[in-house]
């Protein structure tokens, strides 16, 4: 009985956990963009989390440790500001000076009407030297 409760709690935690990820594409095969500039990479940043009644956070991704299996419970880290900070960190890592084609969008997917909502911010950009 005790093991069943522990497993149920672990499953529930995994279900409400959020995720912060950064995906990269670096192969351009000689393609240049504006004024002949060579892109360094295209990045796609996503941060997701779960909310109760669209306002009480259950779990969200940790923007300080993207691409790791970390989660921030009972904190809402799913914000545009956090995505832009992850983009700045990626620019610093690649020594990029500028970005182009920067886009961001927020999505909300409700389950059981408004009882449980999955919120995500998506940000993408092309990093330039």
N, C-alpha and C. Protein backbone atom coordinates (compact mmCIF):
# COMPACT_ATOMS: atom_id res chain seq x y z
N UNK A 1 0.81 -1.19 0.00
CA UNK A 1 0.00 0.00 0.00
C UNK A 1 0.86 1.26 0.00
N UNK A 2 1.91 1.25 0.80
CA UNK A 2 2.80 2.39 0.87
C UNK A 2 3.52 2.59 -0.45
N UNK A 3 3.95 1.50 -1.09
CA UNK A 3 4.62 1.57 -2.39
C UNK A 3 3.69 2.13 -3.46
N UNK A 4 2.42 1.77 -3.40
CA UNK A 4 1.43 2.26 -4.35
C UNK A 4 1.28 3.78 -4.23
N UNK A 5 1.26 4.28 -3.02
CA UNK A 5 1.15 5.73 -2.80
C UNK A 5 2.38 6.47 -3.32
N UNK A 6 3.54 5.90 -3.10
CA UNK A 6 4.78 6.52 -3.58
C UNK A 6 4.79 6.55 -5.10
N UNK A 7 4.41 5.44 -5.73
CA UNK A 7 4.37 5.39 -7.19
C UNK A 7 3.34 6.36 -7.75
N UNK A 8 2.19 6.47 -7.09
CA UNK A 8 1.16 7.41 -7.53
C UNK A 8 1.67 8.85 -7.42
N UNK A 9 2.37 9.16 -6.34
CA UNK A 9 2.91 10.51 -6.17
C UNK A 9 3.97 10.81 -7.22
N UNK A 10 4.81 9.84 -7.54
CA UNK A 10 5.83 10.03 -8.58
C UNK A 10 5.20 10.23 -9.95
N UNK A 11 4.16 9.47 -10.25
CA UNK A 11 3.46 9.63 -11.53
C UNK A 11 2.79 10.99 -11.61
N UNK A 12 2.18 11.42 -10.52
CA UNK A 12 1.53 12.74 -10.51
C UNK A 12 2.56 13.85 -10.68
N UNK A 13 3.70 13.72 -10.03
CA UNK A 13 4.76 14.73 -10.17
C UNK A 13 5.28 14.78 -11.60
N UNK A 14 5.44 13.62 -12.22
CA UNK A 14 5.91 13.58 -13.60
C UNK A 14 4.88 14.19 -14.55
N UNK A 15 3.61 14.01 -14.24
CA UNK A 15 2.55 14.55 -15.09
C UNK A 15 2.51 16.07 -15.06
N UNK A 16 2.68 16.66 -13.89
CA UNK A 16 2.58 18.11 -13.77
C UNK A 16 3.92 18.82 -13.99
N UNK A 17 4.98 18.08 -14.18
CA UNK A 17 6.28 18.70 -14.35
C UNK A 17 6.33 19.46 -15.68
N UNK A 18 7.00 20.58 -15.64
CA UNK A 18 7.21 21.36 -16.85
C UNK A 18 8.57 21.04 -17.44
N UNK A 19 8.87 21.72 -18.51
CA UNK A 19 10.12 21.44 -19.20
C UNK A 19 10.60 22.70 -19.90
N UNK A 20 11.90 22.95 -19.85
CA UNK A 20 12.53 24.04 -20.60
C UNK A 20 13.55 23.41 -21.54
N UNK A 21 13.40 23.67 -22.83
CA UNK A 21 14.30 23.06 -23.81
C UNK A 21 14.81 24.10 -24.80
N UNK A 22 16.00 23.84 -25.30
CA UNK A 22 16.58 24.62 -26.39
C UNK A 22 17.00 23.63 -27.47
N UNK A 23 16.45 23.81 -28.67
CA UNK A 23 16.83 22.99 -29.82
C UNK A 23 17.65 23.85 -30.76
N UNK A 24 18.67 23.25 -31.37
CA UNK A 24 19.59 23.99 -32.23
C UNK A 24 19.72 23.34 -33.60
N UNK A 25 19.86 24.18 -34.62
CA UNK A 25 20.17 23.71 -35.97
C UNK A 25 21.33 24.56 -36.48
N UNK A 26 22.41 23.89 -36.86
CA UNK A 26 23.62 24.62 -37.24
C UNK A 26 24.05 24.39 -38.68
N UNK A 27 23.45 23.46 -39.38
CA UNK A 27 23.86 23.15 -40.75
C UNK A 27 23.11 24.02 -41.75
N UNK A 28 23.83 24.92 -42.44
CA UNK A 28 23.20 25.81 -43.41
C UNK A 28 23.66 25.54 -44.83
N UNK A 29 24.69 24.77 -45.02
CA UNK A 29 25.19 24.37 -46.34
C UNK A 29 25.41 25.58 -47.25
N UNK A 30 26.09 26.61 -46.72
CA UNK A 30 26.46 27.77 -47.52
C UNK A 30 25.37 28.80 -47.72
N UNK A 31 24.24 28.63 -47.09
CA UNK A 31 23.15 29.60 -47.23
C UNK A 31 23.54 30.88 -46.49
N UNK A 32 23.34 32.01 -47.13
CA UNK A 32 23.56 33.30 -46.46
C UNK A 32 22.24 34.06 -46.43
N UNK A 33 22.18 35.01 -45.53
CA UNK A 33 20.97 35.81 -45.40
C UNK A 33 21.33 37.27 -45.61
N UNK A 34 20.49 38.19 -45.21
CA UNK A 34 20.67 39.62 -45.40
C UNK A 34 22.13 40.05 -45.52
N UNK A 35 22.42 40.77 -46.58
CA UNK A 35 23.76 41.34 -46.81
C UNK A 35 24.86 40.28 -46.79
N UNK A 36 24.54 39.06 -47.16
CA UNK A 36 25.54 38.00 -47.25
C UNK A 36 26.03 37.48 -45.91
N UNK A 37 25.34 37.79 -44.83
CA UNK A 37 25.76 37.31 -43.52
C UNK A 37 25.56 35.80 -43.39
N UNK A 38 26.46 35.16 -42.69
CA UNK A 38 26.36 33.73 -42.42
C UNK A 38 25.74 33.51 -41.05
N UNK A 39 24.66 32.75 -40.99
CA UNK A 39 24.06 32.47 -39.67
C UNK A 39 24.92 31.48 -38.88
N UNK A 40 24.91 31.64 -37.57
CA UNK A 40 25.60 30.69 -36.69
C UNK A 40 24.73 29.47 -36.41
N UNK A 41 23.49 29.73 -36.01
CA UNK A 41 22.55 28.66 -35.74
C UNK A 41 21.15 29.22 -35.61
N UNK A 42 20.18 28.35 -35.77
CA UNK A 42 18.79 28.67 -35.49
C UNK A 42 18.44 28.00 -34.17
N UNK A 43 17.82 28.74 -33.28
CA UNK A 43 17.44 28.18 -31.99
C UNK A 43 15.94 28.23 -31.83
N UNK A 44 15.41 27.21 -31.18
CA UNK A 44 14.01 27.17 -30.79
C UNK A 44 13.98 26.90 -29.29
N UNK A 45 13.36 27.80 -28.56
CA UNK A 45 13.30 27.71 -27.11
C UNK A 45 11.85 27.49 -26.71
N UNK A 46 11.63 26.52 -25.82
CA UNK A 46 10.29 26.23 -25.34
C UNK A 46 10.34 26.05 -23.83
N UNK A 47 9.39 26.67 -23.16
CA UNK A 47 9.25 26.50 -21.71
C UNK A 47 7.78 26.20 -21.45
N UNK A 48 7.51 25.09 -20.76
CA UNK A 48 6.14 24.68 -20.52
C UNK A 48 5.88 24.50 -19.02
N UNK A 49 4.62 24.58 -18.66
CA UNK A 49 4.22 24.37 -17.28
C UNK A 49 2.73 24.08 -17.19
N UNK A 50 2.31 23.67 -16.01
CA UNK A 50 0.90 23.32 -15.75
C UNK A 50 0.33 24.27 -14.71
N UNK A 51 -0.92 24.71 -14.95
CA UNK A 51 -1.63 25.62 -14.05
C UNK A 51 -2.99 25.05 -13.68
N UNK A 52 -3.43 25.31 -12.46
CA UNK A 52 -4.79 24.98 -12.04
C UNK A 52 -5.60 26.27 -12.13
N UNK A 53 -6.77 26.19 -12.77
CA UNK A 53 -7.63 27.36 -12.97
C UNK A 53 -6.90 28.50 -13.68
N UNK A 54 -5.92 28.17 -14.49
CA UNK A 54 -5.15 29.13 -15.30
C UNK A 54 -4.37 30.16 -14.48
N UNK A 55 -4.22 29.93 -13.17
CA UNK A 55 -3.50 30.92 -12.38
C UNK A 55 -2.63 30.33 -11.27
N UNK A 56 -2.90 29.11 -10.84
CA UNK A 56 -2.12 28.50 -9.75
C UNK A 56 -1.11 27.53 -10.36
N UNK A 57 0.19 27.85 -10.29
CA UNK A 57 1.20 26.99 -10.93
C UNK A 57 1.42 25.68 -10.17
N UNK A 58 1.48 24.59 -10.92
CA UNK A 58 1.82 23.28 -10.35
C UNK A 58 3.30 22.98 -10.57
N UNK A 59 3.73 23.12 -11.80
CA UNK A 59 5.13 22.86 -12.14
C UNK A 59 5.44 23.49 -13.47
N UNK A 60 6.68 23.95 -13.62
CA UNK A 60 7.11 24.53 -14.89
C UNK A 60 8.60 24.26 -15.08
N UNK A 61 9.06 24.48 -16.30
CA UNK A 61 10.46 24.22 -16.62
C UNK A 61 11.39 25.17 -15.90
N UNK A 62 12.63 24.73 -15.71
CA UNK A 62 13.64 25.55 -15.05
C UNK A 62 14.47 26.25 -16.13
N UNK A 63 14.26 27.56 -16.34
CA UNK A 63 14.98 28.26 -17.39
C UNK A 63 16.48 28.40 -17.13
N UNK A 64 16.91 28.17 -15.89
CA UNK A 64 18.34 28.23 -15.59
C UNK A 64 19.06 26.94 -15.98
N UNK A 65 18.30 25.87 -16.22
CA UNK A 65 18.89 24.58 -16.58
C UNK A 65 18.08 23.93 -17.70
N UNK A 66 18.07 24.54 -18.89
CA UNK A 66 17.30 23.94 -19.99
C UNK A 66 17.92 22.62 -20.43
N UNK A 67 17.09 21.78 -21.02
CA UNK A 67 17.48 20.47 -21.54
C UNK A 67 17.92 19.50 -20.46
N UNK A 68 17.56 19.78 -19.23
CA UNK A 68 17.81 18.86 -18.13
C UNK A 68 16.46 18.44 -17.56
N UNK A 69 16.45 17.38 -16.83
CA UNK A 69 15.19 16.90 -16.24
C UNK A 69 14.94 17.60 -14.91
N UNK A 70 14.82 18.93 -14.99
CA UNK A 70 14.56 19.72 -13.79
C UNK A 70 13.21 20.40 -13.93
N UNK A 71 12.62 20.71 -12.81
CA UNK A 71 11.30 21.32 -12.79
C UNK A 71 11.22 22.25 -11.59
N UNK A 72 10.46 23.32 -11.73
CA UNK A 72 10.21 24.23 -10.62
C UNK A 72 8.77 24.03 -10.18
N UNK A 73 8.57 23.38 -9.05
CA UNK A 73 7.23 23.11 -8.56
C UNK A 73 6.65 24.36 -7.87
N UNK A 74 5.37 24.61 -8.12
CA UNK A 74 4.61 25.69 -7.51
C UNK A 74 5.17 27.08 -7.82
N UNK A 75 5.86 27.19 -8.98
CA UNK A 75 6.36 28.48 -9.47
C UNK A 75 6.06 28.57 -10.95
N UNK A 76 5.66 29.73 -11.40
CA UNK A 76 5.40 29.94 -12.82
C UNK A 76 6.62 30.57 -13.48
N UNK A 77 7.39 29.77 -14.17
CA UNK A 77 8.55 30.28 -14.90
C UNK A 77 8.28 30.39 -16.39
N UNK A 78 7.05 30.12 -16.80
CA UNK A 78 6.68 30.15 -18.21
C UNK A 78 6.35 31.59 -18.59
N UNK A 79 7.40 32.37 -18.89
CA UNK A 79 7.22 33.78 -19.25
C UNK A 79 8.08 34.10 -20.47
N UNK A 80 7.68 35.13 -21.17
CA UNK A 80 8.46 35.59 -22.31
C UNK A 80 9.84 36.05 -21.85
N UNK A 81 9.91 36.71 -20.71
CA UNK A 81 11.18 37.19 -20.19
C UNK A 81 12.17 36.05 -19.98
N UNK A 82 11.71 34.93 -19.42
CA UNK A 82 12.60 33.79 -19.22
C UNK A 82 13.08 33.22 -20.54
N UNK A 83 12.21 33.17 -21.55
CA UNK A 83 12.64 32.68 -22.86
C UNK A 83 13.70 33.59 -23.47
N UNK A 84 13.52 34.91 -23.33
CA UNK A 84 14.50 35.84 -23.88
C UNK A 84 15.83 35.75 -23.13
N UNK A 85 15.79 35.48 -21.84
CA UNK A 85 17.03 35.29 -21.09
C UNK A 85 17.75 34.02 -21.52
N UNK A 86 16.99 32.94 -21.82
CA UNK A 86 17.62 31.73 -22.35
C UNK A 86 18.24 32.01 -23.72
N UNK A 87 17.58 32.84 -24.53
CA UNK A 87 18.12 33.22 -25.83
C UNK A 87 19.41 34.02 -25.66
N UNK A 88 19.44 34.94 -24.72
CA UNK A 88 20.65 35.71 -24.45
C UNK A 88 21.80 34.80 -24.01
N UNK A 89 21.50 33.82 -23.17
CA UNK A 89 22.53 32.87 -22.75
C UNK A 89 23.08 32.08 -23.94
N UNK A 90 22.19 31.69 -24.85
CA UNK A 90 22.62 30.95 -26.03
C UNK A 90 23.46 31.85 -26.95
N UNK A 91 23.09 33.11 -27.06
CA UNK A 91 23.88 34.06 -27.87
C UNK A 91 25.28 34.21 -27.28
N UNK A 92 25.35 34.30 -25.96
CA UNK A 92 26.65 34.43 -25.30
C UNK A 92 27.49 33.17 -25.50
N UNK A 93 26.86 32.00 -25.42
CA UNK A 93 27.57 30.73 -25.61
C UNK A 93 28.17 30.63 -27.01
N UNK A 94 27.44 31.14 -28.02
CA UNK A 94 27.89 31.07 -29.41
C UNK A 94 28.62 32.33 -29.88
N UNK A 95 28.79 33.31 -29.00
CA UNK A 95 29.41 34.60 -29.34
C UNK A 95 28.67 35.30 -30.47
N UNK A 96 27.36 35.21 -30.44
CA UNK A 96 26.53 35.88 -31.45
C UNK A 96 26.34 37.34 -31.04
N UNK A 97 26.33 38.22 -32.04
CA UNK A 97 26.17 39.65 -31.78
C UNK A 97 24.76 40.13 -32.07
N UNK A 98 24.05 39.43 -32.98
CA UNK A 98 22.72 39.87 -33.38
C UNK A 98 21.82 38.66 -33.61
N UNK A 99 20.52 38.94 -33.69
CA UNK A 99 19.55 37.91 -34.07
C UNK A 99 18.69 38.47 -35.20
N UNK A 100 18.10 37.58 -35.96
CA UNK A 100 17.11 37.95 -36.96
C UNK A 100 15.97 36.94 -36.89
N UNK A 101 14.85 37.31 -37.44
CA UNK A 101 13.67 36.44 -37.46
C UNK A 101 13.26 35.98 -36.06
N UNK A 102 13.27 36.89 -35.12
CA UNK A 102 12.87 36.58 -33.74
C UNK A 102 11.35 36.52 -33.65
N UNK A 103 10.84 35.39 -33.20
CA UNK A 103 9.40 35.23 -33.01
C UNK A 103 9.13 34.58 -31.66
N UNK A 104 8.01 34.94 -31.06
CA UNK A 104 7.58 34.32 -29.81
C UNK A 104 6.06 34.18 -29.83
N UNK A 105 5.60 33.12 -29.19
CA UNK A 105 4.15 32.93 -29.06
C UNK A 105 3.86 32.13 -27.80
N UNK A 106 2.66 32.36 -27.28
CA UNK A 106 2.21 31.65 -26.08
C UNK A 106 1.03 30.78 -26.47
N UNK A 107 1.00 29.55 -25.95
CA UNK A 107 -0.13 28.67 -26.18
C UNK A 107 -0.65 28.16 -24.84
N UNK A 108 -1.97 28.04 -24.76
CA UNK A 108 -2.64 27.45 -23.59
C UNK A 108 -3.51 26.31 -24.08
N UNK A 109 -3.36 25.15 -23.47
CA UNK A 109 -4.18 23.98 -23.79
C UNK A 109 -4.88 23.56 -22.51
N UNK A 110 -6.21 23.69 -22.50
CA UNK A 110 -6.97 23.35 -21.30
C UNK A 110 -7.43 21.90 -21.32
N UNK A 111 -7.40 21.29 -20.15
CA UNK A 111 -7.89 19.94 -19.94
C UNK A 111 -8.95 20.05 -18.85
N UNK A 112 -10.07 19.39 -19.06
CA UNK A 112 -11.19 19.50 -18.12
C UNK A 112 -11.61 20.96 -17.98
N UNK A 113 -11.93 21.60 -19.12
CA UNK A 113 -12.30 23.01 -19.21
C UNK A 113 -11.16 23.86 -18.69
N UNK A 114 -11.31 24.56 -17.59
CA UNK A 114 -10.21 25.40 -17.10
C UNK A 114 -9.54 24.81 -15.86
N UNK A 115 -9.93 23.61 -15.49
CA UNK A 115 -9.36 23.01 -14.29
C UNK A 115 -7.84 22.87 -14.40
N UNK A 116 -7.35 22.34 -15.49
CA UNK A 116 -5.92 22.12 -15.68
C UNK A 116 -5.51 22.67 -17.04
N UNK A 117 -4.49 23.50 -17.06
CA UNK A 117 -4.04 24.14 -18.30
C UNK A 117 -2.55 23.93 -18.46
N UNK A 118 -2.15 23.54 -19.68
CA UNK A 118 -0.73 23.46 -20.04
C UNK A 118 -0.39 24.73 -20.79
N UNK A 119 0.53 25.51 -20.26
CA UNK A 119 0.96 26.76 -20.89
C UNK A 119 2.37 26.59 -21.43
N UNK A 120 2.61 27.15 -22.59
CA UNK A 120 3.94 27.09 -23.20
C UNK A 120 4.27 28.40 -23.89
N UNK A 121 5.53 28.81 -23.77
CA UNK A 121 6.07 29.91 -24.56
C UNK A 121 7.08 29.31 -25.52
N UNK A 122 6.96 29.71 -26.78
CA UNK A 122 7.88 29.26 -27.84
C UNK A 122 8.59 30.49 -28.38
N UNK A 123 9.89 30.45 -28.47
CA UNK A 123 10.68 31.55 -29.03
C UNK A 123 11.68 30.95 -30.00
N UNK A 124 11.80 31.56 -31.18
CA UNK A 124 12.81 31.08 -32.13
C UNK A 124 13.52 32.28 -32.74
N UNK A 125 14.76 32.08 -33.16
CA UNK A 125 15.57 33.14 -33.75
C UNK A 125 16.74 32.53 -34.51
N UNK A 126 17.29 33.32 -35.42
CA UNK A 126 18.52 32.95 -36.12
C UNK A 126 19.63 33.81 -35.52
N UNK A 127 20.68 33.17 -35.03
CA UNK A 127 21.80 33.89 -34.42
C UNK A 127 22.82 34.24 -35.51
N UNK A 128 23.31 35.50 -35.44
CA UNK A 128 24.29 35.99 -36.42
C UNK A 128 25.56 36.42 -35.71
N UNK A 129 26.66 36.40 -36.45
CA UNK A 129 27.97 36.81 -35.90
C UNK A 129 27.98 38.29 -35.57
